[in-house]
PDB file of all heavy atoms in Angstrom:
ATOM      1  N   ILE A   1     112.303  88.821  89.651  1.00  0.00           N
ATOM      2  CA  ILE A   1     113.613  89.019  89.083  1.00  0.00           C
ATOM      3  C   ILE A   1     113.581  89.297  87.581  1.00  0.00           C
ATOM      4  O   ILE A   1     114.593  89.692  87.016  1.00  0.00           O
ATOM      5  CB  ILE A   1     114.547  87.816  89.338  1.00  0.00           C
ATOM      6  CG1 ILE A   1     114.163  86.604  88.483  1.00  0.00           C
ATOM      7  CG2 ILE A   1     114.565  87.481  90.831  1.00  0.00           C
ATOM      8  CD1 ILE A   1     115.149  85.447  88.596  1.00  0.00           C
ATOM      9  N   TYR A   2     112.437  89.115  86.981  1.00  0.00           N
ATOM     10  CA  TYR A   2     112.316  89.306  85.539  1.00  0.00           C
ATOM     11  C   TYR A   2     111.669  90.599  85.174  1.00  0.00           C
ATOM     12  O   TYR A   2     110.611  90.955  85.763  1.00  0.00           O
ATOM     13  CB  TYR A   2     111.471  88.160  84.919  1.00  0.00           C
ATOM     14  CG  TYR A   2     112.034  86.764  85.096  1.00  0.00           C
ATOM     15  CD1 TYR A   2     111.567  85.941  86.089  1.00  0.00           C
ATOM     16  CD2 TYR A   2     113.029  86.338  84.252  1.00  0.00           C
ATOM     17  CE1 TYR A   2     112.116  84.676  86.269  1.00  0.00           C
ATOM     18  CE2 TYR A   2     113.555  85.080  84.408  1.00  0.00           C
ATOM     19  CZ  TYR A   2     113.079  84.226  85.426  1.00  0.00           C
ATOM     20  OH  TYR A   2     113.614  82.981  85.576  1.00  0.00           O
ATOM     21  N   ALA A   3     112.250  91.286  84.225  1.00  0.00           N
ATOM     22  CA  ALA A   3     111.483  92.282  83.482  1.00  0.00           C
ATOM     23  C   ALA A   3     110.479  91.539  82.617  1.00  0.00           C
ATOM     24  O   ALA A   3     110.754  90.438  82.171  1.00  0.00           O
ATOM     25  CB  ALA A   3     112.399  93.156  82.675  1.00  0.00           C
ATOM     26  N   MET A   4     109.339  92.139  82.373  1.00  0.00           N
ATOM     27  CA  MET A   4     108.295  91.489  81.613  1.00  0.00           C
ATOM     28  C   MET A   4     107.864  92.380  80.456  1.00  0.00           C
ATOM     29  O   MET A   4     107.934  93.591  80.511  1.00  0.00           O
ATOM     30  CB  MET A   4     107.099  91.161  82.490  1.00  0.00           C
ATOM     31  CG  MET A   4     107.391  90.213  83.658  1.00  0.00           C
ATOM     32  SD  MET A   4     107.913  88.563  83.101  1.00  0.00           S
ATOM     33  CE  MET A   4     106.429  88.022  82.216  1.00  0.00           C
ATOM     34  N   GLY A   5     107.381  91.729  79.423  1.00  0.00           N
ATOM     35  CA  GLY A   5     106.890  92.506  78.292  1.00  0.00           C
ATOM     36  C   GLY A   5     105.787  91.760  77.509  1.00  0.00           C
ATOM     37  O   GLY A   5     105.502  90.578  77.776  1.00  0.00           O
ATOM     38  N   TRP A   6     105.254  92.469  76.559  1.00  0.00           N
ATOM     39  CA  TRP A   6     104.250  91.932  75.658  1.00  0.00           C
ATOM     40  C   TRP A   6     104.694  92.225  74.243  1.00  0.00           C
ATOM     41  O   TRP A   6     105.142  93.321  73.923  1.00  0.00           O
ATOM     42  CB  TRP A   6     102.882  92.534  75.888  1.00  0.00           C
ATOM     43  CG  TRP A   6     102.240  92.108  77.160  1.00  0.00           C
ATOM     44  CD1 TRP A   6     102.242  92.708  78.353  1.00  0.00           C
ATOM     45  CD2 TRP A   6     101.405  90.945  77.330  1.00  0.00           C
ATOM     46  NE1 TRP A   6     101.495  92.035  79.261  1.00  0.00           N
ATOM     47  CE2 TRP A   6     100.974  90.946  78.666  1.00  0.00           C
ATOM     48  CE3 TRP A   6     100.979  89.895  76.515  1.00  0.00           C
ATOM     49  CZ2 TRP A   6     100.145  89.935  79.185  1.00  0.00           C
ATOM     50  CZ3 TRP A   6     100.177  88.914  77.020  1.00  0.00           C
ATOM     51  CH2 TRP A   6      99.768  88.945  78.358  1.00  0.00           C
ATOM     52  N   PHE A   7     104.557  91.192  73.390  1.00  0.00           N
ATOM     53  CA  PHE A   7     104.812  91.295  71.960  1.00  0.00           C
ATOM     54  C   PHE A   7     103.549  90.867  71.220  1.00  0.00           C
ATOM     55  O   PHE A   7     102.655  90.228  71.810  1.00  0.00           O
ATOM     56  CB  PHE A   7     105.983  90.419  71.546  1.00  0.00           C
ATOM     57  CG  PHE A   7     107.317  90.812  72.113  1.00  0.00           C
ATOM     58  CD1 PHE A   7     107.618  90.642  73.453  1.00  0.00           C
ATOM     59  CD2 PHE A   7     108.271  91.389  71.280  1.00  0.00           C
ATOM     60  CE1 PHE A   7     108.873  91.036  73.979  1.00  0.00           C
ATOM     61  CE2 PHE A   7     109.516  91.746  71.761  1.00  0.00           C
ATOM     62  CZ  PHE A   7     109.797  91.605  73.127  1.00  0.00           C
ATOM     63  N   ARG A   8     103.492  91.185  69.966  1.00  0.00           N
ATOM     64  CA  ARG A   8     102.395  90.705  69.181  1.00  0.00           C
ATOM     65  C   ARG A   8     102.873  90.423  67.726  1.00  0.00           C
ATOM     66  O   ARG A   8     103.864  90.996  67.280  1.00  0.00           O
ATOM     67  CB  ARG A   8     101.249  91.737  69.150  1.00  0.00           C
ATOM     68  CG  ARG A   8     101.517  92.996  68.350  1.00  0.00           C
ATOM     69  CD  ARG A   8     100.372  93.973  68.504  1.00  0.00           C
ATOM     70  NE  ARG A   8     100.512  95.099  67.620  1.00  0.00           N
ATOM     71  CZ  ARG A   8      99.723  96.170  67.639  1.00  0.00           C
ATOM     72  NH1 ARG A   8      98.715  96.226  68.512  1.00  0.00           N
ATOM     73  NH2 ARG A   8      99.900  97.152  66.793  1.00  0.00           N
ATOM     74  N   GLN A   9     102.153  89.512  67.095  1.00  0.00           N
ATOM     75  CA  GLN A   9     102.458  89.171  65.738  1.00  0.00           C
ATOM     76  C   GLN A   9     101.221  88.878  64.947  1.00  0.00           C
ATOM     77  O   GLN A   9     100.426  88.039  65.330  1.00  0.00           O
ATOM     78  CB  GLN A   9     103.417  87.978  65.668  1.00  0.00           C
ATOM     79  CG  GLN A   9     103.952  87.702  64.249  1.00  0.00           C
ATOM     80  CD  GLN A   9     105.127  86.779  64.234  1.00  0.00           C
ATOM     81  OE1 GLN A   9     105.327  86.000  65.179  1.00  0.00           O
ATOM     82  NE2 GLN A   9     105.910  86.822  63.197  1.00  0.00           N
ATOM     83  N   ALA A  10     101.028  89.632  63.864  1.00  0.00           N
ATOM     84  CA  ALA A  10      99.914  89.433  62.998  1.00  0.00           C
ATOM     85  C   ALA A  10     100.376  88.635  61.765  1.00  0.00           C
ATOM     86  O   ALA A  10     101.588  88.656  61.405  1.00  0.00           O
ATOM     87  CB  ALA A  10      99.327  90.739  62.576  1.00  0.00           C
ATOM     88  N   PRO A  11      99.473  87.919  61.107  1.00  0.00           N
ATOM     89  CA  PRO A  11      99.883  87.174  59.898  1.00  0.00           C
ATOM     90  C   PRO A  11     100.510  88.089  58.880  1.00  0.00           C
ATOM     91  O   PRO A  11     100.019  89.199  58.549  1.00  0.00           O
ATOM     92  CB  PRO A  11      98.535  86.639  59.415  1.00  0.00           C
ATOM     93  CG  PRO A  11      97.668  86.521  60.607  1.00  0.00           C
ATOM     94  CD  PRO A  11      98.063  87.723  61.449  1.00  0.00           C
ATOM     95  N   GLY A  12     101.664  87.667  58.371  1.00  0.00           N
ATOM     96  CA  GLY A  12     102.361  88.420  57.357  1.00  0.00           C
ATOM     97  C   GLY A  12     103.154  89.596  57.846  1.00  0.00           C
ATOM     98  O   GLY A  12     103.734  90.326  57.069  1.00  0.00           O
ATOM     99  N   LYS A  13     103.216  89.752  59.182  1.00  0.00           N
ATOM    100  CA  LYS A  13     103.952  90.870  59.754  1.00  0.00           C
ATOM    101  C   LYS A  13     105.022  90.365  60.702  1.00  0.00           C
ATOM    102  O   LYS A  13     104.929  89.240  61.201  1.00  0.00           O
ATOM    103  CB  LYS A  13     103.024  91.830  60.482  1.00  0.00           C
ATOM    104  CG  LYS A  13     102.086  92.605  59.581  1.00  0.00           C
ATOM    105  CD  LYS A  13     101.332  93.665  60.385  1.00  0.00           C
ATOM    106  CE  LYS A  13     100.489  94.523  59.501  1.00  0.00           C
ATOM    107  NZ  LYS A  13      99.788  95.605  60.276  1.00  0.00           N
ATOM    108  N   GLU A  14     106.018  91.183  60.933  1.00  0.00           N
ATOM    109  CA  GLU A  14     107.033  90.878  61.915  1.00  0.00           C
ATOM    110  C   GLU A  14     106.487  90.985  63.340  1.00  0.00           C
ATOM    111  O   GLU A  14     105.513  91.700  63.592  1.00  0.00           O
ATOM    112  CB  GLU A  14     108.230  91.789  61.717  1.00  0.00           C
ATOM    113  CG  GLU A  14     108.940  91.667  60.386  1.00  0.00           C
ATOM    114  CD  GLU A  14     110.171  92.558  60.290  1.00  0.00           C
ATOM    115  OE1 GLU A  14     110.455  93.283  61.254  1.00  0.00           O
ATOM    116  OE2 GLU A  14     110.781  92.589  59.235  1.00  0.00           O
ATOM    117  N   ARG A  15     107.148  90.299  64.230  1.00  0.00           N
ATOM    118  CA  ARG A  15     106.801  90.420  65.623  1.00  0.00           C
ATOM    119  C   ARG A  15     107.090  91.870  66.088  1.00  0.00           C
ATOM    120  O   ARG A  15     108.133  92.417  65.795  1.00  0.00           O
ATOM    121  CB  ARG A  15     107.610  89.426  66.451  1.00  0.00           C
ATOM    122  CG  ARG A  15     107.287  89.410  67.934  1.00  0.00           C
ATOM    123  CD  ARG A  15     108.082  88.355  68.666  1.00  0.00           C
ATOM    124  NE  ARG A  15     109.516  88.619  68.562  1.00  0.00           N
ATOM    125  CZ  ARG A  15     110.435  87.790  68.997  1.00  0.00           C
ATOM    126  NH1 ARG A  15     110.113  86.644  69.569  1.00  0.00           N
ATOM    127  NH2 ARG A  15     111.750  88.114  68.851  1.00  0.00           N
ATOM    128  N   GLU A  16     106.179  92.404  66.846  1.00  0.00           N
ATOM    129  CA  GLU A  16     106.272  93.737  67.311  1.00  0.00           C
ATOM    130  C   GLU A  16     106.439  93.790  68.838  1.00  0.00           C
ATOM    131  O   GLU A  16     105.712  93.051  69.547  1.00  0.00           O
ATOM    132  CB  GLU A  16     105.025  94.594  66.939  1.00  0.00           C
ATOM    133  CG  GLU A  16     104.817  94.779  65.474  1.00  0.00           C
ATOM    134  CD  GLU A  16     103.586  95.588  65.165  1.00  0.00           C
ATOM    135  OE1 GLU A  16     102.524  95.235  65.715  1.00  0.00           O
ATOM    136  OE2 GLU A  16     103.664  96.556  64.399  1.00  0.00           O
ATOM    137  N   PHE A  17     107.318  94.630  69.316  1.00  0.00           N
ATOM    138  CA  PHE A  17     107.523  94.856  70.721  1.00  0.00           C
ATOM    139  C   PHE A  17     106.478  95.881  71.154  1.00  0.00           C
ATOM    140  O   PHE A  17     106.547  97.052  70.730  1.00  0.00           O
ATOM    141  CB  PHE A  17     108.921  95.306  71.001  1.00  0.00           C
ATOM    142  CG  PHE A  17     109.265  95.549  72.425  1.00  0.00           C
ATOM    143  CD1 PHE A  17     108.690  94.813  73.466  1.00  0.00           C
ATOM    144  CD2 PHE A  17     110.253  96.472  72.758  1.00  0.00           C
ATOM    145  CE1 PHE A  17     109.050  95.043  74.779  1.00  0.00           C
ATOM    146  CE2 PHE A  17     110.630  96.688  74.076  1.00  0.00           C
ATOM    147  CZ  PHE A  17     110.037  95.975  75.065  1.00  0.00           C
ATOM    148  N   VAL A  18     105.552  95.485  71.982  1.00  0.00           N
ATOM    149  CA  VAL A  18     104.440  96.346  72.368  1.00  0.00           C
ATOM    150  C   VAL A  18     104.750  97.177  73.608  1.00  0.00           C
ATOM    151  O   VAL A  18     104.552  98.350  73.632  1.00  0.00           O
ATOM    152  CB  VAL A  18     103.154  95.522  72.595  1.00  0.00           C
ATOM    153  CG1 VAL A  18     102.004  96.381  73.086  1.00  0.00           C
ATOM    154  CG2 VAL A  18     102.799  94.770  71.327  1.00  0.00           C
ATOM    155  N   THR A  19     105.181  96.501  74.656  1.00  0.00           N
ATOM    156  CA  THR A  19     105.406  97.155  75.900  1.00  0.00           C
ATOM    157  C   THR A  19     106.275  96.337  76.823  1.00  0.00           C
ATOM    158  O   THR A  19     106.332  95.099  76.716  1.00  0.00           O
ATOM    159  CB  THR A  19     104.033  97.453  76.588  1.00  0.00           C
ATOM    160  OG1 THR A  19     104.224  98.131  77.847  1.00  0.00           O
ATOM    161  CG2 THR A  19     103.267  96.146  76.849  1.00  0.00           C
ATOM    162  N   GLY A  20     106.943  96.999  77.767  1.00  0.00           N
ATOM    163  CA  GLY A  20     107.750  96.296  78.753  1.00  0.00           C
ATOM    164  C   GLY A  20     107.662  97.007  80.091  1.00  0.00           C
ATOM    165  O   GLY A  20     107.352  98.194  80.166  1.00  0.00           O
ATOM    166  N   ILE A  21     107.977  96.248  81.129  1.00  0.00           N
ATOM    167  CA  ILE A  21     107.875  96.750  82.506  1.00  0.00           C
ATOM    168  C   ILE A  21     109.045  96.193  83.286  1.00  0.00           C
ATOM    169  O   ILE A  21     109.438  95.053  83.144  1.00  0.00           O
ATOM    170  CB  ILE A  21     106.505  96.409  83.133  1.00  0.00           C
ATOM    171  CG1 ILE A  21     106.324  97.099  84.493  1.00  0.00           C
ATOM    172  CG2 ILE A  21     106.351  94.889  83.252  1.00  0.00           C
ATOM    173  CD1 ILE A  21     104.926  96.978  85.025  1.00  0.00           C
ATOM    174  N   SER A  22     109.616  97.056  84.132  1.00  0.00           N
ATOM    175  CA  SER A  22     110.784  96.683  84.925  1.00  0.00           C
ATOM    176  C   SER A  22     110.380  95.748  86.031  1.00  0.00           C
ATOM    177  O   SER A  22     109.182  95.501  86.320  1.00  0.00           O
ATOM    178  CB  SER A  22     111.463  97.907  85.481  1.00  0.00           C
ATOM    179  OG  SER A  22     110.585  98.662  86.297  1.00  0.00           O
ATOM    180  N   ARG A  23     111.347  95.192  86.728  1.00  0.00           N
ATOM    181  CA  ARG A  23     111.119  94.161  87.718  1.00  0.00           C
ATOM    182  C   ARG A  23     110.121  94.562  88.806  1.00  0.00           C
ATOM    183  O   ARG A  23     109.271  93.782  89.178  1.00  0.00           O
ATOM    184  CB  ARG A  23     112.448  93.794  88.384  1.00  0.00           C
ATOM    185  CG  ARG A  23     113.383  93.019  87.480  1.00  0.00           C
ATOM    186  CD  ARG A  23     114.769  92.911  88.110  1.00  0.00           C
ATOM    187  NE  ARG A  23     115.651  92.028  87.391  1.00  0.00           N
ATOM    188  CZ  ARG A  23     116.948  91.922  87.601  1.00  0.00           C
ATOM    189  NH1 ARG A  23     117.529  92.638  88.527  1.00  0.00           N
ATOM    190  NH2 ARG A  23     117.665  91.086  86.854  1.00  0.00           N
ATOM    191  N   LEU A  24     110.228  95.771  89.274  1.00  0.00           N
ATOM    192  CA  LEU A  24     109.355  96.265  90.343  1.00  0.00           C
ATOM    193  C   LEU A  24     108.162  97.043  89.809  1.00  0.00           C
ATOM    194  O   LEU A  24     107.327  97.473  90.596  1.00  0.00           O
ATOM    195  CB  LEU A  24     110.143  97.103  91.341  1.00  0.00           C
ATOM    196  CG  LEU A  24     111.298  96.394  92.032  1.00  0.00           C
ATOM    197  CD1 LEU A  24     111.996  97.332  93.026  1.00  0.00           C
ATOM    198  CD2 LEU A  24     110.761  95.177  92.805  1.00  0.00           C
TER     199      LEU A  24
END
C-alpha cells in the first residue's frame, strides 16, 4: 500500500530526494 523511496543526507547538506517507486 506504500509508495517507497530513498533519500540521502551528507554532512552540511540538505536531505536529497534520490528516487521513488510506486506501490506496484
